[in-house]
Amino acid sequence: SIRIADLGWKEKIDELEETDRQFLAEYQ
């Protein structure tokens, strides 16, 4: 899973699917 604390962790974000990254970018 991904936590609030992980939103600034580029390596973790890069592991996510593209649709997940796009979704999180709106709220990060």
PDB file of all heavy atoms in Angstrom:
ATOM      1  N   SER A   1       0.835  -1.197   0.000  1.00  0.00           N
ATOM      2  CA  SER A   1       0.000   0.000   0.000  1.00  0.00           C
ATOM      3  C   SER A   1       0.876   1.256   0.000  1.00  0.00           C
ATOM      4  O   SER A   1       2.104   1.176   0.066  1.00  0.00           O
ATOM      5  CB  SER A   1      -0.915  -0.014   1.230  1.00  0.00           C
ATOM      6  OG  SER A   1      -1.792   1.088   1.232  1.00  0.00           O
ATOM      7  N   ILE A   2       0.221   2.402  -0.070  1.00  0.00           N
ATOM      8  CA  ILE A   2       0.948   3.666  -0.025  1.00  0.00           C
ATOM      9  C   ILE A   2       0.350   4.548   1.077  1.00  0.00           C
ATOM     10  O   ILE A   2      -0.873   4.631   1.231  1.00  0.00           O
ATOM     11  CB  ILE A   2       0.919   4.392  -1.392  1.00  0.00           C
ATOM     12  CG1 ILE A   2       1.757   5.679  -1.324  1.00  0.00           C
ATOM     13  CG2 ILE A   2      -0.511   4.675  -1.853  1.00  0.00           C
ATOM     14  CD1 ILE A   2       2.071   6.266  -2.677  1.00  0.00           C
ATOM     15  N   ARG A   3       1.233   5.171   1.867  1.00  0.00           N
ATOM     16  CA  ARG A   3       0.809   6.007   2.982  1.00  0.00           C
ATOM     17  C   ARG A   3       0.912   7.489   2.615  1.00  0.00           C
ATOM     18  O   ARG A   3       1.555   7.851   1.633  1.00  0.00           O
ATOM     19  CB  ARG A   3       1.682   5.734   4.211  1.00  0.00           C
ATOM     20  CG  ARG A   3       1.751   4.275   4.635  1.00  0.00           C
ATOM     21  CD  ARG A   3       2.801   4.083   5.717  1.00  0.00           C
ATOM     22  NE  ARG A   3       4.119   4.531   5.259  1.00  0.00           N
ATOM     23  CZ  ARG A   3       5.146   4.800   6.061  1.00  0.00           C
ATOM     24  NH1 ARG A   3       5.002   4.683   7.378  1.00  0.00           N
ATOM     25  NH2 ARG A   3       6.308   5.187   5.569  1.00  0.00           N
ATOM     26  N   ILE A   4       0.321   8.308   3.453  1.00  0.00           N
ATOM     27  CA  ILE A   4       0.460   9.754   3.277  1.00  0.00           C
ATOM     28  C   ILE A   4       1.947  10.142   3.299  1.00  0.00           C
ATOM     29  O   ILE A   4       2.410  10.962   2.501  1.00  0.00           O
ATOM     30  CB  ILE A   4      -0.301  10.510   4.384  1.00  0.00           C
ATOM     31  CG1 ILE A   4      -1.806  10.187   4.347  1.00  0.00           C
ATOM     32  CG2 ILE A   4      -0.059  12.012   4.277  1.00  0.00           C
ATOM     33  CD1 ILE A   4      -2.536  10.670   3.135  1.00  0.00           C
ATOM     34  N   ALA A   5       2.709   9.503   4.194  1.00  0.00           N
ATOM     35  CA  ALA A   5       4.146   9.815   4.324  1.00  0.00           C
ATOM     36  C   ALA A   5       4.930   9.455   3.074  1.00  0.00           C
ATOM     37  O   ALA A   5       6.043   9.963   2.863  1.00  0.00           O
ATOM     38  CB  ALA A   5       4.727   9.075   5.528  1.00  0.00           C
ATOM     39  N   ASP A   6       4.384   8.578   2.231  1.00  0.00           N
ATOM     40  CA  ASP A   6       5.106   8.118   1.045  1.00  0.00           C
ATOM     41  C   ASP A   6       4.902   9.014  -0.173  1.00  0.00           C
ATOM     42  O   ASP A   6       5.526   8.783  -1.219  1.00  0.00           O
ATOM     43  CB  ASP A   6       4.658   6.696   0.680  1.00  0.00           C
ATOM     44  CG  ASP A   6       4.907   5.696   1.797  1.00  0.00           C
ATOM     45  OD1 ASP A   6       5.861   5.904   2.564  1.00  0.00           O
ATOM     46  OD2 ASP A   6       4.122   4.731   1.918  1.00  0.00           O
ATOM     47  N   LEU A   7       4.046  10.012  -0.057  1.00  0.00           N
ATOM     48  CA  LEU A   7       3.726  10.834  -1.228  1.00  0.00           C
ATOM     49  C   LEU A   7       4.933  11.604  -1.756  1.00  0.00           C
ATOM     50  O   LEU A   7       4.986  11.954  -2.934  1.00  0.00           O
ATOM     51  CB  LEU A   7       2.585  11.802  -0.888  1.00  0.00           C
ATOM     52  CG  LEU A   7       1.210  11.146  -0.698  1.00  0.00           C
ATOM     53  CD1 LEU A   7       0.202  12.155  -0.177  1.00  0.00           C
ATOM     54  CD2 LEU A   7       0.725  10.523  -2.010  1.00  0.00           C
ATOM     55  N   GLY A   8       5.898  11.849  -0.882  1.00  0.00           N
ATOM     56  CA  GLY A   8       7.115  12.533  -1.337  1.00  0.00           C
ATOM     57  C   GLY A   8       8.257  11.594  -1.666  1.00  0.00           C
ATOM     58  O   GLY A   8       9.385  12.039  -1.944  1.00  0.00           O
ATOM     59  N   TRP A   9       7.990  10.292  -1.649  1.00  0.00           N
ATOM     60  CA  TRP A   9       9.014   9.272  -1.890  1.00  0.00           C
ATOM     61  C   TRP A   9       8.962   8.892  -3.374  1.00  0.00           C
ATOM     62  O   TRP A   9       8.141   8.082  -3.790  1.00  0.00           O
ATOM     63  CB  TRP A   9       8.732   8.069  -0.986  1.00  0.00           C
ATOM     64  CG  TRP A   9       9.739   6.969  -1.046  1.00  0.00           C
ATOM     65  CD1 TRP A   9      10.930   6.940  -1.697  1.00  0.00           C
ATOM     66  CD2 TRP A   9       9.600   5.679  -0.414  1.00  0.00           C
ATOM     67  NE1 TRP A   9      11.562   5.740  -1.517  1.00  0.00           N
ATOM     68  CE2 TRP A   9      10.768   4.944  -0.729  1.00  0.00           C
ATOM     69  CE3 TRP A   9       8.634   5.085   0.387  1.00  0.00           C
ATOM     70  CZ2 TRP A   9      10.960   3.642  -0.278  1.00  0.00           C
ATOM     71  CZ3 TRP A   9       8.818   3.790   0.832  1.00  0.00           C
ATOM     72  CH2 TRP A   9       9.978   3.085   0.509  1.00  0.00           C
ATOM     73  N   LYS A  10       9.818   9.474  -4.192  1.00  0.00           N
ATOM     74  CA  LYS A  10       9.752   9.307  -5.641  1.00  0.00           C
ATOM     75  C   LYS A  10       9.854   7.847  -6.067  1.00  0.00           C
ATOM     76  O   LYS A  10       9.130   7.387  -6.961  1.00  0.00           O
ATOM     77  CB  LYS A  10      10.861  10.123  -6.310  1.00  0.00           C
ATOM     78  CG  LYS A  10      10.798  10.125  -7.837  1.00  0.00           C
ATOM     79  CD  LYS A  10      11.875  10.999  -8.439  1.00  0.00           C
ATOM     80  CE  LYS A  10      11.735  11.053  -9.960  1.00  0.00           C
ATOM     81  NZ  LYS A  10      11.810   9.725 -10.596  1.00  0.00           N
ATOM     82  N   GLU A  11      10.748   7.100  -5.435  1.00  0.00           N
ATOM     83  CA  GLU A  11      10.930   5.693  -5.800  1.00  0.00           C
ATOM     84  C   GLU A  11       9.635   4.903  -5.612  1.00  0.00           C
ATOM     85  O   GLU A  11       9.277   4.074  -6.451  1.00  0.00           O
ATOM     86  CB  GLU A  11      12.051   5.089  -4.949  1.00  0.00           C
ATOM     87  CG  GLU A  11      12.371   3.640  -5.298  1.00  0.00           C
ATOM     88  CD  GLU A  11      13.460   3.064  -4.413  1.00  0.00           C
ATOM     89  OE1 GLU A  11      14.057   3.826  -3.624  1.00  0.00           O
ATOM     90  OE2 GLU A  11      13.716   1.851  -4.514  1.00  0.00           O
ATOM     91  N   LYS A  12       8.943   5.183  -4.506  1.00  0.00           N
ATOM     92  CA  LYS A  12       7.676   4.494  -4.230  1.00  0.00           C
ATOM     93  C   LYS A  12       6.603   4.906  -5.233  1.00  0.00           C
ATOM     94  O   LYS A  12       5.869   4.058  -5.763  1.00  0.00           O
ATOM     95  CB  LYS A  12       7.219   4.823  -2.805  1.00  0.00           C
ATOM     96  CG  LYS A  12       5.895   4.197  -2.391  1.00  0.00           C
ATOM     97  CD  LYS A  12       6.024   2.705  -2.186  1.00  0.00           C
ATOM     98  CE  LYS A  12       4.738   2.117  -1.627  1.00  0.00           C
ATOM     99  NZ  LYS A  12       4.819   0.653  -1.447  1.00  0.00           N
ATOM    100  N   ILE A  13       6.507   6.194  -5.512  1.00  0.00           N
ATOM    101  CA  ILE A  13       5.511   6.692  -6.465  1.00  0.00           C
ATOM    102  C   ILE A  13       5.757   6.108  -7.852  1.00  0.00           C
ATOM    103  O   ILE A  13       4.818   5.732  -8.565  1.00  0.00           O
ATOM    104  CB  ILE A  13       5.535   8.243  -6.522  1.00  0.00           C
ATOM    105  CG1 ILE A  13       5.132   8.836  -5.163  1.00  0.00           C
ATOM    106  CG2 ILE A  13       4.629   8.765  -7.627  1.00  0.00           C
ATOM    107  CD1 ILE A  13       3.710   8.575  -4.747  1.00  0.00           C
ATOM    108  N   ASP A  14       7.009   5.992  -8.233  1.00  0.00           N
ATOM    109  CA  ASP A  14       7.350   5.464  -9.565  1.00  0.00           C
ATOM    110  C   ASP A  14       6.946   4.003  -9.728  1.00  0.00           C
ATOM    111  O   ASP A  14       6.763   3.532 -10.857  1.00  0.00           O
ATOM    112  CB  ASP A  14       8.848   5.626  -9.829  1.00  0.00           C
ATOM    113  CG  ASP A  14       9.257   7.066 -10.068  1.00  0.00           C
ATOM    114  OD1 ASP A  14       8.357   7.901 -10.305  1.00  0.00           O
ATOM    115  OD2 ASP A  14      10.469   7.371  -9.993  1.00  0.00           O
ATOM    116  N   GLU A  15       6.815   3.281  -8.613  1.00  0.00           N
ATOM    117  CA  GLU A  15       6.408   1.871  -8.674  1.00  0.00           C
ATOM    118  C   GLU A  15       4.921   1.704  -8.979  1.00  0.00           C
ATOM    119  O   GLU A  15       4.481   0.623  -9.392  1.00  0.00           O
ATOM    120  CB  GLU A  15       6.717   1.180  -7.345  1.00  0.00           C
ATOM    121  CG  GLU A  15       8.199   0.999  -7.045  1.00  0.00           C
ATOM    122  CD  GLU A  15       8.439   0.424  -5.658  1.00  0.00           C
ATOM    123  OE1 GLU A  15       7.445   0.216  -4.923  1.00  0.00           O
ATOM    124  OE2 GLU A  15       9.606   0.193  -5.307  1.00  0.00           O
ATOM    125  N   LEU A  16       4.152   2.767  -8.780  1.00  0.00           N
ATOM    126  CA  LEU A  16       2.706   2.681  -8.965  1.00  0.00           C
ATOM    127  C   LEU A  16       2.335   2.643 -10.437  1.00  0.00           C
ATOM    128  O   LEU A  16       3.102   3.063 -11.309  1.00  0.00           O
ATOM    129  CB  LEU A  16       2.026   3.881  -8.306  1.00  0.00           C
ATOM    130  CG  LEU A  16       2.185   4.028  -6.790  1.00  0.00           C
ATOM    131  CD1 LEU A  16       1.563   5.337  -6.327  1.00  0.00           C
ATOM    132  CD2 LEU A  16       1.542   2.855  -6.059  1.00  0.00           C
ATOM    133  N   GLU A  17       1.133   2.157 -10.709  1.00  0.00           N
ATOM    134  CA  GLU A  17       0.618   2.193 -12.072  1.00  0.00           C
ATOM    135  C   GLU A  17       0.367   3.646 -12.487  1.00  0.00           C
ATOM    136  O   GLU A  17       0.136   4.518 -11.645  1.00  0.00           O
ATOM    137  CB  GLU A  17      -0.688   1.391 -12.160  1.00  0.00           C
ATOM    138  CG  GLU A  17      -0.501  -0.093 -11.883  1.00  0.00           C
ATOM    139  CD  GLU A  17      -1.795  -0.879 -12.003  1.00  0.00           C
ATOM    140  OE1 GLU A  17      -2.796  -0.301 -12.496  1.00  0.00           O
ATOM    141  OE2 GLU A  17      -1.803  -2.057 -11.606  1.00  0.00           O
ATOM    142  N   GLU A  18       0.392   3.892 -13.774  1.00  0.00           N
ATOM    143  CA  GLU A  18       0.249   5.254 -14.291  1.00  0.00           C
ATOM    144  C   GLU A  18      -1.066   5.887 -13.831  1.00  0.00           C
ATOM    145  O   GLU A  18      -1.102   7.067 -13.464  1.00  0.00           O
ATOM    146  CB  GLU A  18       0.327   5.242 -15.825  1.00  0.00           C
ATOM    147  CG  GLU A  18       0.117   6.606 -16.482  1.00  0.00           C
ATOM    148  CD  GLU A  18       1.172   7.632 -16.076  1.00  0.00           C
ATOM    149  OE1 GLU A  18       2.294   7.239 -15.709  1.00  0.00           O
ATOM    150  OE2 GLU A  18       0.853   8.841 -16.119  1.00  0.00           O
ATOM    151  N   THR A  19      -2.146   5.120 -13.847  1.00  0.00           N
ATOM    152  CA  THR A  19      -3.444   5.678 -13.426  1.00  0.00           C
ATOM    153  C   THR A  19      -3.420   6.081 -11.949  1.00  0.00           C
ATOM    154  O   THR A  19      -4.045   7.073 -11.562  1.00  0.00           O
ATOM    155  CB  THR A  19      -4.574   4.664 -13.665  1.00  0.00           C
ATOM    156  OG1 THR A  19      -4.241   3.413 -13.019  1.00  0.00           O
ATOM    157  CG2 THR A  19      -4.801   4.431 -15.149  1.00  0.00           C
ATOM    158  N   ASP A  20      -2.691   5.315 -11.132  1.00  0.00           N
ATOM    159  CA  ASP A  20      -2.561   5.659  -9.715  1.00  0.00           C
ATOM    160  C   ASP A  20      -1.780   6.957  -9.540  1.00  0.00           C
ATOM    161  O   ASP A  20      -2.139   7.818  -8.728  1.00  0.00           O
ATOM    162  CB  ASP A  20      -1.858   4.537  -8.942  1.00  0.00           C
ATOM    163  CG  ASP A  20      -2.675   3.254  -8.887  1.00  0.00           C
ATOM    164  OD1 ASP A  20      -3.900   3.334  -9.064  1.00  0.00           O
ATOM    165  OD2 ASP A  20      -2.075   2.181  -8.664  1.00  0.00           O
ATOM    166  N   ARG A  21      -0.706   7.098 -10.297  1.00  0.00           N
ATOM    167  CA  ARG A  21       0.119   8.320 -10.201  1.00  0.00           C
ATOM    168  C   ARG A  21      -0.681   9.547 -10.627  1.00  0.00           C
ATOM    169  O   ARG A  21      -0.590  10.605  -9.993  1.00  0.00           O
ATOM    170  CB  ARG A  21       1.386   8.177 -11.048  1.00  0.00           C
ATOM    171  CG  ARG A  21       2.370   7.131 -10.524  1.00  0.00           C
ATOM    172  CD  ARG A  21       3.758   7.337 -11.118  1.00  0.00           C
ATOM    173  NE  ARG A  21       3.785   7.153 -12.552  1.00  0.00           N
ATOM    174  CZ  ARG A  21       3.970   5.984 -13.172  1.00  0.00           C
ATOM    175  NH1 ARG A  21       4.150   4.875 -12.442  1.00  0.00           N
ATOM    176  NH2 ARG A  21       3.996   5.899 -14.485  1.00  0.00           N
ATOM    177  N   GLN A  22      -1.470   9.394 -11.682  1.00  0.00           N
ATOM    178  CA  GLN A  22      -2.290  10.516 -12.145  1.00  0.00           C
ATOM    179  C   GLN A  22      -3.333  10.897 -11.085  1.00  0.00           C
ATOM    180  O   GLN A  22      -3.588  12.084 -10.844  1.00  0.00           O
ATOM    181  CB  GLN A  22      -2.986  10.149 -13.458  1.00  0.00           C
ATOM    182  CG  GLN A  22      -2.029  10.037 -14.645  1.00  0.00           C
ATOM    183  CD  GLN A  22      -2.734   9.560 -15.905  1.00  0.00           C
ATOM    184  OE1 GLN A  22      -3.933   9.260 -15.898  1.00  0.00           O
ATOM    185  NE2 GLN A  22      -1.992   9.485 -17.006  1.00  0.00           N
ATOM    186  N   PHE A  23      -3.925   9.892 -10.471  1.00  0.00           N
ATOM    187  CA  PHE A  23      -4.925  10.144  -9.427  1.00  0.00           C
ATOM    188  C   PHE A  23      -4.301  10.888  -8.252  1.00  0.00           C
ATOM    189  O   PHE A  23      -4.832  11.898  -7.781  1.00  0.00           O
ATOM    190  CB  PHE A  23      -5.523   8.815  -8.965  1.00  0.00           C
ATOM    191  CG  PHE A  23      -6.432   8.935  -7.781  1.00  0.00           C
ATOM    192  CD1 PHE A  23      -7.727   9.421  -7.915  1.00  0.00           C
ATOM    193  CD2 PHE A  23      -5.995   8.559  -6.510  1.00  0.00           C
ATOM    194  CE1 PHE A  23      -8.576   9.534  -6.815  1.00  0.00           C
ATOM    195  CE2 PHE A  23      -6.833   8.666  -5.407  1.00  0.00           C
ATOM    196  CZ  PHE A  23      -8.127   9.152  -5.560  1.00  0.00           C
ATOM    197  N   LEU A  24      -3.159  10.414  -7.781  1.00  0.00           N
ATOM    198  CA  LEU A  24      -2.518  11.020  -6.618  1.00  0.00           C
ATOM    199  C   LEU A  24      -2.003  12.430  -6.904  1.00  0.00           C
ATOM    200  O   LEU A  24      -1.984  13.284  -6.015  1.00  0.00           O
ATOM    201  CB  LEU A  24      -1.374  10.134  -6.140  1.00  0.00           C
ATOM    202  CG  LEU A  24      -1.793   8.818  -5.475  1.00  0.00           C
ATOM    203  CD1 LEU A  24      -0.566   7.958  -5.185  1.00  0.00           C
ATOM    204  CD2 LEU A  24      -2.577   9.085  -4.195  1.00  0.00           C
ATOM    205  N   ALA A  25      -1.598  12.675  -8.151  1.00  0.00           N
ATOM    206  CA  ALA A  25      -1.055  13.990  -8.497  1.00  0.00           C
ATOM    207  C   ALA A  25      -2.062  15.106  -8.236  1.00  0.00           C
ATOM    208  O   ALA A  25      -1.684  16.225  -7.869  1.00  0.00           O
ATOM    209  CB  ALA A  25      -0.620  14.003  -9.962  1.00  0.00           C
ATOM    210  N   GLU A  26      -3.356  14.783  -8.393  1.00  0.00           N
ATOM    211  CA  GLU A  26      -4.404  15.781  -8.188  1.00  0.00           C
ATOM    212  C   GLU A  26      -4.522  16.195  -6.715  1.00  0.00           C
ATOM    213  O   GLU A  26      -4.907  17.322  -6.404  1.00  0.00           O
ATOM    214  CB  GLU A  26      -5.743  15.225  -8.681  1.00  0.00           C
ATOM    215  CG  GLU A  26      -6.900  16.198  -8.538  1.00  0.00           C
ATOM    216  CD  GLU A  26      -8.208  15.621  -9.046  1.00  0.00           C
ATOM    217  OE1 GLU A  26      -8.194  14.550  -9.699  1.00  0.00           O
ATOM    218  OE2 GLU A  26      -9.264  16.243  -8.774  1.00  0.00           O
ATOM    219  N   TYR A  27      -4.174  15.274  -5.805  1.00  0.00           N
ATOM    220  CA  TYR A  27      -4.403  15.514  -4.380  1.00  0.00           C
ATOM    221  C   TYR A  27      -3.127  15.633  -3.555  1.00  0.00           C
ATOM    222  O   TYR A  27      -3.178  15.989  -2.384  1.00  0.00           O
ATOM    223  CB  TYR A  27      -5.242  14.366  -3.803  1.00  0.00           C
ATOM    224  CG  TYR A  27      -6.567  14.165  -4.496  1.00  0.00           C
ATOM    225  CD1 TYR A  27      -6.758  13.106  -5.390  1.00  0.00           C
ATOM    226  CD2 TYR A  27      -7.628  15.030  -4.267  1.00  0.00           C
ATOM    227  CE1 TYR A  27      -7.969  12.921  -6.031  1.00  0.00           C
ATOM    228  CE2 TYR A  27      -8.847  14.857  -4.905  1.00  0.00           C
ATOM    229  CZ  TYR A  27      -9.013  13.798  -5.785  1.00  0.00           C
ATOM    230  OH  TYR A  27     -10.216  13.620  -6.411  1.00  0.00           O
ATOM    231  N   GLN A  28      -1.976  15.321  -4.146  1.00  0.00           N
ATOM    232  CA  GLN A  28      -0.737  15.180  -3.382  1.00  0.00           C
ATOM    233  C   GLN A  28      -0.406  16.403  -2.524  1.00  0.00           C
ATOM    234  O   GLN A  28      -0.152  16.281  -1.319  1.00  0.00           O
ATOM    235  CB  GLN A  28       0.435  14.886  -4.328  1.00  0.00           C
ATOM    236  CG  GLN A  28       1.761  14.711  -3.604  1.00  0.00           C
ATOM    237  CD  GLN A  28       2.853  14.204  -4.528  1.00  0.00           C
ATOM    238  OE1 GLN A  28       2.586  13.669  -5.594  1.00  0.00           O
ATOM    239  NE2 GLN A  28       4.100  14.375  -4.114  1.00  0.00           N
TER     240      GLN A  28
END
